[in-house]
Amino acid sequence: MTTFVRPFNLSGHPAVTVPPLAENGASATFQMVARKGDDAIVLAVAEQMSLAKPQ
Protein backbone atom coordinates (compact mmCIF):
# COMPACT_ATOMS: atom_id res chain seq x y z
CA MET A 1 0.00 0.00 0.00
CA THR A 2 2.86 2.39 0.59
CA THR A 3 3.67 2.28 -3.12
CA PHE A 4 0.67 4.49 -3.84
CA VAL A 5 1.64 7.22 -1.37
CA ARG A 6 5.30 7.39 -2.37
CA PRO A 7 4.82 10.12 -5.05
CA PHE A 8 3.06 12.30 -2.49
CA ASN A 9 5.79 11.75 0.06
CA LEU A 10 8.34 12.90 -2.52
CA SER A 11 6.29 16.01 -3.31
CA GLY A 12 5.84 16.88 0.37
CA HIS A 13 2.07 16.30 0.44
CA PRO A 14 0.79 14.36 3.44
CA ALA A 15 -0.82 11.10 2.38
CA VAL A 16 -2.13 8.02 4.13
CA THR A 17 -3.59 4.69 3.09
CA VAL A 18 -6.04 2.92 5.40
CA PRO A 19 -6.51 -0.84 4.90
CA PRO A 20 -9.96 -2.35 4.26
CA LEU A 21 -12.40 -2.28 7.16
CA ALA A 22 -14.97 -4.72 5.78
CA GLU A 23 -15.27 -8.09 7.48
CA ASN A 24 -16.94 -9.74 4.49
CA GLY A 25 -13.73 -9.92 2.46
CA ALA A 26 -14.49 -6.86 0.35
CA SER A 27 -11.49 -4.74 -0.52
CA ALA A 28 -11.99 -1.00 -0.21
CA THR A 29 -8.68 0.59 0.67
CA PHE A 30 -8.98 4.32 1.38
CA GLN A 31 -6.29 6.78 0.36
CA MET A 32 -6.25 10.43 1.36
CA VAL A 33 -3.93 13.18 0.18
CA ALA A 34 -3.95 16.74 1.50
CA ARG A 35 -2.27 20.04 0.84
CA LYS A 36 1.24 20.60 2.15
CA GLY A 37 1.10 21.39 5.84
CA ASP A 38 -2.25 19.67 6.44
CA ASP A 39 -0.69 16.62 8.08
CA ALA A 40 -2.96 16.82 11.11
CA ILE A 41 -6.10 16.51 8.99
CA VAL A 42 -4.82 13.41 7.20
CA LEU A 43 -3.80 11.77 10.46
CA ALA A 44 -7.11 12.63 12.18
CA VAL A 45 -9.16 11.11 9.35
CA ALA A 46 -6.98 7.99 9.26
CA GLU A 47 -7.34 7.57 13.03
CA GLN A 48 -11.13 7.89 12.89
CA MET A 49 -11.34 5.39 10.04
CA SER A 50 -9.16 2.88 11.86
CA LEU A 51 -11.42 3.15 14.93
CA ALA A 52 -14.63 2.73 12.93
CA LYS A 53 -16.29 -0.65 13.14
CA PRO A 54 -17.34 -2.38 9.91
CA GLN A 55 -21.04 -2.69 9.32
C-alpha atoms as a PDB file:
ATOM      1  CA  MET A   1       0.000   0.000   0.000  1.00  0.00           C
ATOM      2  CA  THR A   2       2.860   2.392   0.591  1.00  0.00           C
ATOM      3  CA  THR A   3       3.669   2.283  -3.121  1.00  0.00           C
ATOM      4  CA  PHE A   4       0.667   4.491  -3.837  1.00  0.00           C
ATOM      5  CA  VAL A   5       1.639   7.224  -1.373  1.00  0.00           C
ATOM      6  CA  ARG A   6       5.299   7.388  -2.374  1.00  0.00           C
ATOM      7  CA  PRO A   7       4.817  10.124  -5.051  1.00  0.00           C
ATOM      8  CA  PHE A   8       3.057  12.304  -2.488  1.00  0.00           C
ATOM      9  CA  ASN A   9       5.792  11.749   0.063  1.00  0.00           C
ATOM     10  CA  LEU A  10       8.341  12.904  -2.517  1.00  0.00           C
ATOM     11  CA  SER A  11       6.286  16.008  -3.308  1.00  0.00           C
ATOM     12  CA  GLY A  12       5.839  16.877   0.374  1.00  0.00           C
ATOM     13  CA  HIS A  13       2.074  16.302   0.439  1.00  0.00           C
ATOM     14  CA  PRO A  14       0.793  14.361   3.441  1.00  0.00           C
ATOM     15  CA  ALA A  15      -0.823  11.097   2.376  1.00  0.00           C
ATOM     16  CA  VAL A  16      -2.128   8.022   4.129  1.00  0.00           C
ATOM     17  CA  THR A  17      -3.587   4.692   3.088  1.00  0.00           C
ATOM     18  CA  VAL A  18      -6.037   2.921   5.403  1.00  0.00           C
ATOM     19  CA  PRO A  19      -6.512  -0.837   4.898  1.00  0.00           C
ATOM     20  CA  PRO A  20      -9.956  -2.346   4.264  1.00  0.00           C
ATOM     21  CA  LEU A  21     -12.397  -2.283   7.159  1.00  0.00           C
ATOM     22  CA  ALA A  22     -14.972  -4.717   5.780  1.00  0.00           C
ATOM     23  CA  GLU A  23     -15.272  -8.090   7.476  1.00  0.00           C
ATOM     24  CA  ASN A  24     -16.937  -9.741   4.489  1.00  0.00           C
ATOM     25  CA  GLY A  25     -13.732  -9.921   2.463  1.00  0.00           C
ATOM     26  CA  ALA A  26     -14.489  -6.858   0.349  1.00  0.00           C
ATOM     27  CA  SER A  27     -11.491  -4.743  -0.516  1.00  0.00           C
ATOM     28  CA  ALA A  28     -11.989  -1.005  -0.213  1.00  0.00           C
ATOM     29  CA  THR A  29      -8.675   0.590   0.673  1.00  0.00           C
ATOM     30  CA  PHE A  30      -8.980   4.316   1.382  1.00  0.00           C
ATOM     31  CA  GLN A  31      -6.287   6.781   0.356  1.00  0.00           C
ATOM     32  CA  MET A  32      -6.253  10.433   1.365  1.00  0.00           C
ATOM     33  CA  VAL A  33      -3.934  13.185   0.183  1.00  0.00           C
ATOM     34  CA  ALA A  34      -3.949  16.739   1.500  1.00  0.00           C
ATOM     35  CA  ARG A  35      -2.265  20.040   0.842  1.00  0.00           C
ATOM     36  CA  LYS A  36       1.243  20.604   2.153  1.00  0.00           C
ATOM     37  CA  GLY A  37       1.097  21.390   5.837  1.00  0.00           C
ATOM     38  CA  ASP A  38      -2.252  19.666   6.439  1.00  0.00           C
ATOM     39  CA  ASP A  39      -0.692  16.620   8.076  1.00  0.00           C
ATOM     40  CA  ALA A  40      -2.965  16.823  11.113  1.00  0.00           C
ATOM     41  CA  ILE A  41      -6.098  16.510   8.985  1.00  0.00           C
ATOM     42  CA  VAL A  42      -4.822  13.410   7.200  1.00  0.00           C
ATOM     43  CA  LEU A  43      -3.805  11.774  10.464  1.00  0.00           C
ATOM     44  CA  ALA A  44      -7.107  12.625  12.181  1.00  0.00           C
ATOM     45  CA  VAL A  45      -9.163  11.113   9.352  1.00  0.00           C
ATOM     46  CA  ALA A  46      -6.980   7.988   9.261  1.00  0.00           C
ATOM     47  CA  GLU A  47      -7.340   7.573  13.026  1.00  0.00           C
ATOM     48  CA  GLN A  48     -11.130   7.887  12.894  1.00  0.00           C
ATOM     49  CA  MET A  49     -11.338   5.391  10.040  1.00  0.00           C
ATOM     50  CA  SER A  50      -9.164   2.878  11.858  1.00  0.00           C
ATOM     51  CA  LEU A  51     -11.420   3.153  14.933  1.00  0.00           C
ATOM     52  CA  ALA A  52     -14.625   2.732  12.929  1.00  0.00           C
ATOM     53  CA  LYS A  53     -16.290  -0.648  13.136  1.00  0.00           C
ATOM     54  CA  PRO A  54     -17.337  -2.381   9.910  1.00  0.00           C
ATOM     55  CA  GLN A  55     -21.036  -2.688   9.317  1.00  0.00           C
END
